[in-house]
């Protein structure tokens, strides 16, 4: 009986691991839709940003690397927004008032949306923060960046590579 319980437990764990392996989005595939509320309660949809290069960044206020890369995202947004570049910062599981205070204090002006139940992060297969996805003007995921900080030069390089308006 103990062996059967162990075997069932192992199967459950393995199916969970294998299920995570094929989560979208895969580079080269259409980006899953994001439909979340911004800090003012307005509905924001990724599909409404079609035609632009979008950096989707999953982050949290308690995440030190997230906070360290945000100034580069802001500087890149300031420099490249007239060339069709958008930052869509997706906050995971935090209180809207806390996030709004953080954004105001740091002077960030890019779009911030709230993923209160982690549904979008799960659709994107996010398992650690920060995690970013570069979406081209046609809505295709071109890069997944995790485990290293974004820099202004890296962002500019990606926007030039994938953006029709940024060349």
N, C-alpha and C. Protein backbone atom coordinates (compact mmCIF):
# COMPACT_ATOMS: atom_id res chain seq x y z
N UNK A 1 0.83 -1.20 0.00
CA UNK A 1 0.00 0.00 0.00
C UNK A 1 0.87 1.25 0.00
N UNK A 2 1.97 1.21 0.78
CA UNK A 2 2.87 2.35 0.85
C UNK A 2 3.53 2.59 -0.51
N UNK A 3 3.86 1.52 -1.22
CA UNK A 3 4.48 1.63 -2.54
C UNK A 3 3.52 2.25 -3.54
N UNK A 4 2.25 1.87 -3.47
CA UNK A 4 1.24 2.43 -4.37
C UNK A 4 1.08 3.93 -4.11
N UNK A 5 1.04 4.33 -2.87
CA UNK A 5 0.92 5.75 -2.53
C UNK A 5 2.14 6.53 -3.03
N UNK A 6 3.32 5.95 -2.91
CA UNK A 6 4.54 6.59 -3.39
C UNK A 6 4.51 6.73 -4.92
N UNK A 7 4.05 5.71 -5.59
CA UNK A 7 3.98 5.73 -7.06
C UNK A 7 2.99 6.79 -7.53
N UNK A 8 1.85 6.88 -6.88
CA UNK A 8 0.84 7.89 -7.24
C UNK A 8 1.40 9.28 -7.00
N UNK A 9 2.07 9.50 -5.88
CA UNK A 9 2.68 10.80 -5.58
C UNK A 9 3.71 11.17 -6.64
N UNK A 10 4.52 10.22 -7.03
CA UNK A 10 5.54 10.47 -8.05
C UNK A 10 4.90 10.86 -9.38
N UNK A 11 3.83 10.16 -9.76
CA UNK A 11 3.13 10.49 -11.00
C UNK A 11 2.54 11.89 -10.96
N UNK A 12 1.99 12.29 -9.84
CA UNK A 12 1.42 13.63 -9.71
C UNK A 12 2.51 14.69 -9.85
N UNK A 13 3.64 14.48 -9.19
CA UNK A 13 4.75 15.43 -9.29
C UNK A 13 5.27 15.51 -10.71
N UNK A 14 5.49 14.36 -11.36
CA UNK A 14 6.00 14.35 -12.74
C UNK A 14 5.04 15.02 -13.71
N UNK A 15 3.74 14.78 -13.56
CA UNK A 15 2.78 15.42 -14.48
C UNK A 15 2.78 16.93 -14.28
N UNK A 16 2.96 17.37 -13.06
CA UNK A 16 3.06 18.81 -12.81
C UNK A 16 4.29 19.41 -13.46
N UNK A 17 5.42 18.74 -13.34
CA UNK A 17 6.67 19.23 -13.94
C UNK A 17 6.56 19.24 -15.46
N UNK A 18 6.04 18.16 -16.03
CA UNK A 18 5.91 18.10 -17.48
C UNK A 18 4.90 19.10 -17.99
N UNK A 19 3.85 19.36 -17.24
CA UNK A 19 2.85 20.36 -17.64
C UNK A 19 3.46 21.75 -17.69
N UNK A 20 4.38 22.06 -16.78
CA UNK A 20 5.02 23.38 -16.77
C UNK A 20 5.92 23.55 -17.99
N UNK A 21 6.49 22.45 -18.49
CA UNK A 21 7.46 22.53 -19.58
C UNK A 21 6.84 23.04 -20.87
N UNK A 22 5.54 22.78 -21.10
CA UNK A 22 4.98 23.22 -22.37
C UNK A 22 4.06 24.42 -22.20
N UNK A 23 4.23 25.16 -21.14
CA UNK A 23 3.45 26.38 -20.98
C UNK A 23 3.88 27.43 -22.00
N UNK A 24 2.91 28.16 -22.55
CA UNK A 24 3.28 29.25 -23.45
C UNK A 24 3.85 30.40 -22.64
N UNK A 25 4.43 31.40 -23.22
CA UNK A 25 4.60 31.50 -24.64
C UNK A 25 5.97 31.00 -25.07
N UNK A 26 5.98 30.39 -26.21
CA UNK A 26 7.24 29.97 -26.79
C UNK A 26 7.72 31.09 -27.70
N UNK A 27 9.02 31.31 -27.70
CA UNK A 27 9.58 32.32 -28.60
C UNK A 27 9.20 31.94 -30.02
N UNK A 28 8.70 32.91 -30.76
CA UNK A 28 8.25 32.68 -32.13
C UNK A 28 6.75 32.43 -32.24
N UNK A 29 6.06 32.35 -31.11
CA UNK A 29 4.61 32.12 -31.09
C UNK A 29 3.88 33.40 -30.72
N UNK A 30 2.58 33.47 -31.04
CA UNK A 30 1.79 34.63 -30.63
C UNK A 30 1.77 34.77 -29.11
N UNK A 31 1.87 36.00 -28.64
CA UNK A 31 1.84 36.27 -27.20
C UNK A 31 0.43 36.05 -26.67
N UNK A 32 0.29 35.36 -25.54
CA UNK A 32 -1.03 35.23 -24.92
C UNK A 32 -1.58 36.61 -24.57
N UNK A 33 -2.89 36.76 -24.70
CA UNK A 33 -3.53 38.04 -24.38
C UNK A 33 -3.33 38.38 -22.91
N UNK A 34 -3.12 39.65 -22.68
CA UNK A 34 -3.09 40.19 -21.33
C UNK A 34 -4.24 41.18 -21.25
N UNK A 35 -5.11 40.99 -20.30
CA UNK A 35 -6.24 41.91 -20.09
C UNK A 35 -6.34 42.14 -18.59
N UNK A 36 -5.73 43.24 -18.13
CA UNK A 36 -5.67 43.54 -16.70
C UNK A 36 -5.99 45.02 -16.48
N UNK A 37 -6.18 45.37 -15.23
CA UNK A 37 -6.45 46.78 -14.87
C UNK A 37 -5.14 47.48 -14.50
N UNK A 38 -5.05 48.75 -14.92
CA UNK A 38 -3.89 49.55 -14.53
C UNK A 38 -4.11 50.13 -13.13
N UNK A 39 -3.20 50.98 -12.69
CA UNK A 39 -3.26 51.51 -11.33
C UNK A 39 -4.44 52.45 -11.11
N UNK A 40 -5.05 52.93 -12.19
CA UNK A 40 -6.24 53.78 -12.09
C UNK A 40 -7.53 53.00 -12.31
N UNK A 41 -7.41 51.67 -12.47
CA UNK A 41 -8.59 50.84 -12.66
C UNK A 41 -9.06 50.73 -14.09
N UNK A 42 -8.29 51.24 -15.04
CA UNK A 42 -8.66 51.14 -16.46
C UNK A 42 -8.24 49.79 -17.02
N UNK A 43 -9.03 49.27 -17.96
CA UNK A 43 -8.70 48.01 -18.62
C UNK A 43 -7.60 48.23 -19.64
N UNK A 44 -6.55 47.42 -19.57
CA UNK A 44 -5.44 47.47 -20.52
C UNK A 44 -5.32 46.09 -21.16
N UNK A 45 -5.24 46.07 -22.49
CA UNK A 45 -5.11 44.80 -23.21
C UNK A 45 -3.86 44.84 -24.08
N UNK A 46 -3.12 43.75 -24.09
CA UNK A 46 -1.94 43.63 -24.94
C UNK A 46 -2.32 43.79 -26.40
N UNK A 47 -3.44 43.25 -26.81
CA UNK A 47 -3.86 43.33 -28.21
C UNK A 47 -4.08 44.77 -28.66
N UNK A 48 -4.40 45.66 -27.74
CA UNK A 48 -4.56 47.08 -28.09
C UNK A 48 -3.22 47.75 -28.40
N UNK A 49 -2.12 47.09 -28.08
CA UNK A 49 -0.78 47.65 -28.32
C UNK A 49 -0.17 47.09 -29.60
N UNK A 50 -0.94 46.32 -30.37
CA UNK A 50 -0.45 45.76 -31.63
C UNK A 50 0.08 46.89 -32.50
N UNK A 51 1.19 46.62 -33.18
CA UNK A 51 1.83 47.64 -34.00
C UNK A 51 3.00 48.30 -33.28
N UNK A 52 3.16 47.99 -31.99
CA UNK A 52 4.26 48.51 -31.20
C UNK A 52 5.14 47.37 -30.71
N UNK A 53 6.37 47.69 -30.33
CA UNK A 53 7.24 46.71 -29.67
C UNK A 53 6.92 46.84 -28.18
N UNK A 54 6.54 45.73 -27.56
CA UNK A 54 6.11 45.76 -26.17
C UNK A 54 7.06 44.90 -25.32
N UNK A 55 7.57 45.51 -24.27
CA UNK A 55 8.35 44.78 -23.27
C UNK A 55 7.39 44.47 -22.13
N UNK A 56 7.00 43.20 -22.00
CA UNK A 56 6.15 42.76 -20.90
C UNK A 56 7.09 42.31 -19.80
N UNK A 57 7.01 42.99 -18.65
CA UNK A 57 7.92 42.72 -17.53
C UNK A 57 7.11 42.32 -16.31
N UNK A 58 7.36 41.11 -15.80
CA UNK A 58 6.71 40.63 -14.58
C UNK A 58 7.60 40.98 -13.41
N UNK A 59 7.02 41.61 -12.38
CA UNK A 59 7.82 42.15 -11.28
C UNK A 59 6.99 42.25 -10.00
N UNK A 60 7.69 42.60 -8.89
CA UNK A 60 7.04 42.87 -7.60
C UNK A 60 7.90 43.88 -6.85
N UNK A 61 7.28 44.63 -5.95
CA UNK A 61 8.01 45.66 -5.20
C UNK A 61 9.04 45.06 -4.26
N UNK A 62 8.84 43.82 -3.82
CA UNK A 62 9.77 43.19 -2.87
C UNK A 62 10.97 42.55 -3.58
N UNK A 63 10.95 42.53 -4.91
CA UNK A 63 11.98 41.87 -5.72
C UNK A 63 13.11 42.86 -6.02
N UNK A 64 14.26 42.64 -5.39
CA UNK A 64 15.40 43.56 -5.57
C UNK A 64 15.87 43.65 -7.02
N UNK A 65 16.09 42.53 -7.72
CA UNK A 65 16.50 42.64 -9.13
C UNK A 65 15.46 43.37 -10.00
N UNK A 66 14.17 43.19 -9.66
CA UNK A 66 13.11 43.89 -10.41
C UNK A 66 13.31 45.40 -10.28
N UNK A 67 13.51 45.84 -9.05
CA UNK A 67 13.68 47.28 -8.80
C UNK A 67 14.97 47.80 -9.44
N UNK A 68 15.99 46.95 -9.51
CA UNK A 68 17.27 47.37 -10.10
C UNK A 68 17.19 47.57 -11.61
N UNK A 69 16.33 46.82 -12.29
CA UNK A 69 16.24 46.97 -13.74
C UNK A 69 15.21 48.01 -14.19
N UNK A 70 14.35 48.45 -13.28
CA UNK A 70 13.31 49.40 -13.67
C UNK A 70 13.85 50.76 -14.16
N UNK A 71 14.93 51.31 -13.60
CA UNK A 71 15.45 52.56 -14.17
C UNK A 71 15.88 52.41 -15.64
N UNK A 72 16.44 51.27 -16.01
CA UNK A 72 16.81 51.04 -17.42
C UNK A 72 15.56 50.95 -18.29
N UNK A 73 14.52 50.32 -17.77
CA UNK A 73 13.26 50.24 -18.51
C UNK A 73 12.68 51.64 -18.71
N UNK A 74 12.72 52.46 -17.65
CA UNK A 74 12.19 53.81 -17.75
C UNK A 74 12.99 54.65 -18.74
N UNK A 75 14.31 54.59 -18.65
CA UNK A 75 15.17 55.36 -19.57
C UNK A 75 14.94 54.93 -21.02
N UNK A 76 14.79 53.63 -21.24
CA UNK A 76 14.54 53.12 -22.58
C UNK A 76 13.17 53.57 -23.08
N UNK A 77 12.19 53.53 -22.20
CA UNK A 77 10.84 53.98 -22.56
C UNK A 77 10.88 55.46 -22.94
N UNK A 78 11.55 56.28 -22.13
CA UNK A 78 11.66 57.71 -22.43
C UNK A 78 12.31 57.95 -23.79
N UNK A 79 13.33 57.17 -24.08
CA UNK A 79 14.12 57.35 -25.30
C UNK A 79 13.43 56.79 -26.55
N UNK A 80 12.69 55.68 -26.39
CA UNK A 80 12.20 54.95 -27.56
C UNK A 80 10.68 54.96 -27.76
N UNK A 81 9.94 55.58 -26.87
CA UNK A 81 8.47 55.51 -27.02
C UNK A 81 7.99 56.16 -28.31
N UNK A 82 8.69 57.18 -28.78
CA UNK A 82 8.30 57.82 -30.04
C UNK A 82 8.59 56.93 -31.25
N UNK A 83 9.33 55.86 -31.02
CA UNK A 83 9.65 54.89 -32.07
C UNK A 83 8.79 53.63 -31.94
N UNK A 84 7.71 53.71 -31.15
CA UNK A 84 6.79 52.59 -31.05
C UNK A 84 7.13 51.58 -29.98
N UNK A 85 7.82 52.00 -28.91
CA UNK A 85 8.19 51.10 -27.83
C UNK A 85 7.31 51.35 -26.60
N UNK A 86 6.81 50.27 -26.02
CA UNK A 86 5.95 50.34 -24.83
C UNK A 86 6.47 49.37 -23.78
N UNK A 87 6.45 49.80 -22.53
CA UNK A 87 6.73 48.92 -21.40
C UNK A 87 5.40 48.62 -20.73
N UNK A 88 5.11 47.34 -20.55
CA UNK A 88 3.92 46.91 -19.83
C UNK A 88 4.41 46.10 -18.62
N UNK A 89 4.45 46.75 -17.47
CA UNK A 89 4.95 46.13 -16.25
C UNK A 89 3.79 45.46 -15.53
N UNK A 90 3.87 44.14 -15.39
CA UNK A 90 2.81 43.34 -14.79
C UNK A 90 3.22 43.01 -13.36
N UNK A 91 2.53 43.62 -12.39
CA UNK A 91 2.84 43.35 -10.99
C UNK A 91 2.12 42.10 -10.55
N UNK A 92 2.83 41.25 -9.84
CA UNK A 92 2.26 39.99 -9.37
C UNK A 92 1.83 40.06 -7.91
N UNK A 93 0.55 39.79 -7.68
CA UNK A 93 -0.01 39.46 -6.36
C UNK A 93 0.07 40.54 -5.29
N UNK A 94 0.31 41.80 -5.63
CA UNK A 94 0.45 42.83 -4.61
C UNK A 94 -0.76 43.75 -4.55
N UNK A 95 -0.80 44.53 -3.50
CA UNK A 95 -1.85 45.51 -3.27
C UNK A 95 -1.66 46.71 -4.20
N UNK A 96 -2.72 47.15 -4.86
CA UNK A 96 -2.64 48.25 -5.82
C UNK A 96 -2.09 49.53 -5.19
N UNK A 97 -2.53 49.86 -3.98
CA UNK A 97 -2.05 51.10 -3.34
C UNK A 97 -0.54 51.05 -3.09
N UNK A 98 -0.06 49.90 -2.67
CA UNK A 98 1.39 49.75 -2.43
C UNK A 98 2.18 49.92 -3.73
N UNK A 99 1.69 49.30 -4.79
CA UNK A 99 2.36 49.38 -6.08
C UNK A 99 2.32 50.81 -6.61
N UNK A 100 1.16 51.47 -6.50
CA UNK A 100 1.03 52.85 -6.97
C UNK A 100 2.01 53.76 -6.23
N UNK A 101 2.17 53.56 -4.94
CA UNK A 101 3.12 54.37 -4.16
C UNK A 101 4.55 54.12 -4.64
N UNK A 102 4.89 52.89 -4.89
CA UNK A 102 6.23 52.54 -5.38
C UNK A 102 6.51 53.22 -6.73
N UNK A 103 5.56 53.13 -7.63
CA UNK A 103 5.72 53.71 -8.97
C UNK A 103 5.84 55.23 -8.88
N UNK A 104 5.00 55.85 -8.06
CA UNK A 104 5.05 57.30 -7.88
C UNK A 104 6.38 57.73 -7.28
N UNK A 105 6.82 57.05 -6.24
CA UNK A 105 8.08 57.38 -5.55
C UNK A 105 9.27 57.30 -6.49
N UNK A 106 9.27 56.33 -7.39
CA UNK A 106 10.40 56.14 -8.29
C UNK A 106 10.24 56.87 -9.63
N UNK A 107 9.11 57.54 -9.82
CA UNK A 107 8.92 58.36 -11.02
C UNK A 107 8.76 57.58 -12.31
N UNK A 108 8.27 56.36 -12.24
CA UNK A 108 8.07 55.58 -13.45
C UNK A 108 6.80 56.03 -14.16
N UNK A 109 6.89 56.15 -15.48
CA UNK A 109 5.74 56.62 -16.25
C UNK A 109 5.23 55.57 -17.25
N UNK A 110 5.87 54.41 -17.31
CA UNK A 110 5.38 53.36 -18.20
C UNK A 110 4.13 52.72 -17.59
N UNK A 111 3.44 51.94 -18.40
CA UNK A 111 2.18 51.33 -18.00
C UNK A 111 2.41 50.20 -16.99
N UNK A 112 1.65 50.23 -15.90
CA UNK A 112 1.71 49.19 -14.87
C UNK A 112 0.31 48.60 -14.72
N UNK A 113 0.23 47.27 -14.78
CA UNK A 113 -1.04 46.58 -14.59
C UNK A 113 -0.90 45.57 -13.45
N UNK A 114 -2.05 45.22 -12.87
CA UNK A 114 -2.08 44.39 -11.68
C UNK A 114 -2.59 42.97 -11.99
N UNK A 115 -1.75 41.98 -11.72
CA UNK A 115 -2.10 40.57 -11.87
C UNK A 115 -2.35 40.01 -10.47
N UNK A 116 -3.48 40.39 -9.88
CA UNK A 116 -3.78 40.06 -8.48
C UNK A 116 -3.85 38.56 -8.20
N UNK A 117 -4.30 37.78 -9.17
CA UNK A 117 -4.45 36.33 -8.92
C UNK A 117 -3.39 35.50 -9.63
N UNK A 118 -2.40 36.16 -10.24
CA UNK A 118 -1.27 35.49 -10.89
C UNK A 118 -1.67 34.73 -12.16
N UNK A 119 -2.87 34.98 -12.66
CA UNK A 119 -3.37 34.26 -13.83
C UNK A 119 -2.51 34.52 -15.07
N UNK A 120 -2.15 35.80 -15.30
CA UNK A 120 -1.35 36.13 -16.49
C UNK A 120 0.07 35.59 -16.35
N UNK A 121 0.66 35.73 -15.18
CA UNK A 121 2.00 35.20 -14.95
C UNK A 121 2.02 33.69 -15.21
N UNK A 122 1.00 33.00 -14.79
CA UNK A 122 0.91 31.56 -15.03
C UNK A 122 0.77 31.25 -16.52
N UNK A 123 -0.02 32.04 -17.25
CA UNK A 123 -0.16 31.85 -18.70
C UNK A 123 1.19 32.00 -19.40
N UNK A 124 2.02 32.90 -18.87
CA UNK A 124 3.33 33.15 -19.46
C UNK A 124 4.41 32.22 -18.91
N UNK A 125 4.04 31.33 -18.00
CA UNK A 125 5.00 30.38 -17.46
C UNK A 125 6.05 31.00 -16.56
N UNK A 126 5.70 32.11 -15.93
CA UNK A 126 6.65 32.81 -15.06
C UNK A 126 6.79 32.03 -13.75
N UNK A 127 8.04 31.66 -13.42
CA UNK A 127 8.29 30.94 -12.18
C UNK A 127 9.27 31.69 -11.27
N UNK A 128 9.83 32.78 -11.74
CA UNK A 128 10.73 33.60 -10.95
C UNK A 128 10.73 35.02 -11.46
N UNK A 129 11.07 35.95 -10.60
CA UNK A 129 11.07 37.36 -10.97
C UNK A 129 12.48 37.92 -10.94
N UNK A 130 12.77 38.91 -11.78
CA UNK A 130 11.93 39.41 -12.86
C UNK A 130 11.96 38.47 -14.06
N UNK A 131 10.92 38.58 -14.87
CA UNK A 131 10.85 37.85 -16.13
C UNK A 131 10.25 38.80 -17.16
N UNK A 132 10.87 38.86 -18.33
CA UNK A 132 10.41 39.78 -19.36
C UNK A 132 10.25 39.06 -20.69
N UNK A 133 9.35 39.58 -21.50
CA UNK A 133 9.08 39.05 -22.83
C UNK A 133 9.03 40.21 -23.80
N UNK A 134 9.76 40.11 -24.90
CA UNK A 134 9.74 41.14 -25.93
C UNK A 134 8.77 40.68 -27.00
N UNK A 135 7.72 41.49 -27.24
CA UNK A 135 6.68 41.18 -28.20
C UNK A 135 6.85 42.12 -29.39
N UNK A 136 6.90 41.57 -30.60
CA UNK A 136 7.10 42.41 -31.79
C UNK A 136 5.79 43.09 -32.20
N UNK A 137 5.84 43.99 -33.19
CA UNK A 137 4.62 44.72 -33.59
C UNK A 137 3.49 43.83 -34.10
N UNK A 138 3.80 42.61 -34.53
CA UNK A 138 2.76 41.67 -34.98
C UNK A 138 2.20 40.82 -33.84
N UNK A 139 2.69 41.03 -32.61
CA UNK A 139 2.19 40.27 -31.47
C UNK A 139 2.88 38.95 -31.23
N UNK A 140 4.07 38.77 -31.80
CA UNK A 140 4.82 37.52 -31.66
C UNK A 140 5.88 37.69 -30.56
N UNK A 141 6.00 36.68 -29.70
CA UNK A 141 7.05 36.70 -28.67
C UNK A 141 8.39 36.48 -29.37
N UNK A 142 9.30 37.42 -29.22
CA UNK A 142 10.61 37.32 -29.87
C UNK A 142 11.73 36.98 -28.90
N UNK A 143 11.59 37.38 -27.63
CA UNK A 143 12.62 37.08 -26.64
C UNK A 143 11.97 36.84 -25.29
N UNK A 144 12.58 35.94 -24.54
CA UNK A 144 12.23 35.73 -23.12
C UNK A 144 13.50 36.01 -22.34
N UNK A 145 13.42 36.94 -21.41
CA UNK A 145 14.59 37.33 -20.63
C UNK A 145 14.30 37.02 -19.16
N UNK A 146 15.06 36.09 -18.60
CA UNK A 146 14.92 35.81 -17.18
C UNK A 146 16.29 35.42 -16.65
N UNK A 147 16.54 35.76 -15.42
CA UNK A 147 17.81 35.41 -14.81
C UNK A 147 18.91 36.42 -15.04
N UNK A 148 18.63 37.47 -15.80
CA UNK A 148 19.63 38.53 -15.97
C UNK A 148 18.90 39.87 -16.06
N UNK A 149 19.55 40.91 -15.60
CA UNK A 149 18.92 42.22 -15.58
C UNK A 149 18.91 42.85 -16.96
N UNK A 150 17.81 43.52 -17.25
CA UNK A 150 17.72 44.29 -18.48
C UNK A 150 18.55 45.55 -18.34
N UNK A 151 19.23 45.92 -19.41
CA UNK A 151 19.99 47.17 -19.44
C UNK A 151 19.43 48.02 -20.57
N UNK A 152 19.75 49.31 -20.54
CA UNK A 152 19.30 50.19 -21.62
C UNK A 152 19.80 49.69 -22.97
N UNK A 153 21.07 49.30 -23.04
CA UNK A 153 21.62 48.86 -24.32
C UNK A 153 20.95 47.58 -24.81
N UNK A 154 20.65 46.66 -23.92
CA UNK A 154 19.98 45.41 -24.30
C UNK A 154 18.57 45.69 -24.82
N UNK A 155 17.86 46.57 -24.13
CA UNK A 155 16.50 46.92 -24.56
C UNK A 155 16.55 47.61 -25.93
N UNK A 156 17.45 48.56 -26.08
CA UNK A 156 17.56 49.28 -27.35
C UNK A 156 17.90 48.31 -28.50
N UNK A 157 18.79 47.37 -28.22
CA UNK A 157 19.17 46.37 -29.23
C UNK A 157 17.95 45.55 -29.66
N UNK A 158 17.13 45.11 -28.70
CA UNK A 158 15.95 44.31 -29.03
C UNK A 158 14.93 45.14 -29.80
N UNK A 159 14.71 46.37 -29.39
CA UNK A 159 13.74 47.22 -30.08
C UNK A 159 14.17 47.46 -31.52
N UNK A 160 15.45 47.72 -31.73
CA UNK A 160 15.96 47.93 -33.10
C UNK A 160 15.82 46.65 -33.92
N UNK A 161 16.08 45.52 -33.32
CA UNK A 161 16.04 44.23 -34.04
C UNK A 161 14.63 43.85 -34.45
N UNK A 162 13.64 44.10 -33.59
CA UNK A 162 12.30 43.59 -33.84
C UNK A 162 11.26 44.65 -34.19
N UNK A 163 11.60 45.92 -34.04
CA UNK A 163 10.62 46.97 -34.27
C UNK A 163 10.70 47.60 -35.63
N UNK A 164 9.61 47.59 -36.33
CA UNK A 164 9.57 48.22 -37.66
C UNK A 164 9.82 49.72 -37.56
N UNK A 165 9.28 50.36 -36.52
CA UNK A 165 9.38 51.81 -36.38
C UNK A 165 10.66 52.22 -35.68
N UNK A 166 11.42 51.27 -35.16
CA UNK A 166 12.60 51.62 -34.35
C UNK A 166 13.91 51.49 -35.11
N UNK A 167 13.86 51.29 -36.40
CA UNK A 167 15.08 51.08 -37.16
C UNK A 167 15.74 52.32 -37.49
